[in-house]
Structure formats: structure tokens, C-alpha cells
Protein backbone atom coordinates (compact mmCIF):
# COMPACT_ATOMS: atom_id res chain seq x y z
CA GLN A 1 -8.32 6.13 -8.86
CA ILE A 2 -6.59 4.35 -5.66
CA THR A 3 -8.14 1.45 -6.66
CA LEU A 4 -7.41 1.14 -10.13
CA ILE A 5 -3.63 2.15 -8.96
CA GLU A 6 -3.90 -1.00 -6.39
CA HIS A 7 -5.26 -3.46 -9.40
CA GLY A 8 -2.82 -2.76 -11.76
CA LEU A 9 -0.07 -2.89 -9.21
CA LEU A 10 -1.29 -6.60 -7.47
CA LEU A 11 -1.97 -7.81 -11.52
CA ASP A 12 1.90 -6.80 -12.09
CA ILE A 13 2.94 -9.67 -9.01
CA GLY A 14 3.57 -12.90 -10.58
CA LEU A 15 3.15 -16.56 -8.56
CA TRP A 16 6.55 -16.92 -8.41
CA GLU A 17 7.46 -13.93 -6.24
CA LEU A 18 5.05 -15.01 -3.43
CA SER A 19 6.66 -18.63 -3.38
CA GLY A 20 8.61 -18.90 0.05
CA GLN A 21 8.01 -15.38 0.88
CA ALA A 22 10.52 -14.31 -1.34
CA TRP A 23 10.02 -10.64 -0.44
CA ASN A 24 12.19 -11.60 2.53
CA LYS A 25 14.83 -13.29 1.09
CA GLU A 26 18.30 -12.34 -0.07
CA GLY A 27 17.58 -11.07 -3.72
CA LYS A 28 14.36 -9.94 -3.50
CA GLU A 29 14.77 -7.15 -5.62
CA GLN A 30 14.95 -9.59 -7.86
CA LYS A 31 13.17 -12.61 -6.59
CA ALA A 32 10.03 -10.58 -5.79
CA PRO A 33 10.73 -6.43 -7.55
CA ASN A 34 5.88 -6.54 -7.93
CA VAL A 35 5.68 -7.35 -4.50
CA LEU A 36 8.45 -5.09 -3.08
CA ASN A 37 6.64 -2.21 -5.48
CA TYR A 38 3.47 -2.94 -3.67
CA ILE A 39 4.73 -2.51 -0.49
CA ALA A 40 6.41 1.03 -1.07
CA TRP A 41 2.86 2.05 -2.34
CA PHE A 42 0.96 1.20 0.44
CA ASN A 43 3.84 2.40 2.31
CA ARG A 44 3.61 5.63 0.83
CA LEU A 45 -0.62 5.21 0.71
CA SER A 46 -1.01 4.44 4.63
CA ARG A 47 1.09 7.04 5.31
CA TRP A 48 -0.56 9.72 3.41
CA VAL A 49 -3.50 8.99 4.76
CA SER A 50 -2.92 8.83 7.96
CA THR A 51 -1.21 12.81 7.98
CA GLN A 52 -4.58 13.99 6.47
CA ILE A 53 -6.69 12.61 9.30
CA ILE A 54 -4.29 14.07 11.51
CA GLN A 55 -4.15 17.29 10.12
CA LEU A 56 -7.30 17.58 11.42
CA SER A 57 -8.34 19.21 14.30
CA ASP A 58 -11.74 18.68 14.86
CA GLU A 59 -12.49 14.83 16.31
CA VAL A 60 -16.28 14.91 14.33
CA GLU A 61 -13.73 16.03 10.47
CA ARG A 62 -11.73 13.32 11.87
CA ALA A 63 -14.37 10.47 11.71
CA ALA A 64 -15.78 11.65 8.81
CA ALA A 65 -12.61 11.69 7.37
CA ILE A 66 -11.84 8.01 8.35
CA THR A 67 -15.26 6.96 7.28
CA LYS A 68 -14.51 8.59 3.64
CA PHE A 69 -11.00 7.25 3.38
CA VAL A 70 -13.06 3.72 4.39
């Protein structure tokens, strides 16, 4: 499901949004809204994954969780 979500988000990104790193410039909300949307998604997903791993107290469980996420 995560792959399907990311696929949809990536398909929304237009080439003009990647030109000249528009997501880092003034007016980025208008110039690269889909890149910003993907960045926000990636940050949320990364926080969730790290939280899930850190909540496990056993090292073996953590290793298994990391393997599963990868």
C-alpha cells in the first residue's frame, strides 16, 4: 500500500517542479506543490517508521522490524 501511495504522489510531480530546485525557492508552494507534498509524505512516513522501531525494546524485534520495513 505504501508503494501505491508513493507511486501516485510521484506521478503527480511535473518536470517543471524539478527544474532548478523550485521547491527550495521563493514561491515554492506555487512552483512545486507536488514536490512539497511528497516531501511532507516522506517525512511523515520516516517519523512513523522510526517510532515503530524505537518502541520495540528487544534488539531482535527491532532488527526484524527494520528488515520488514526495508
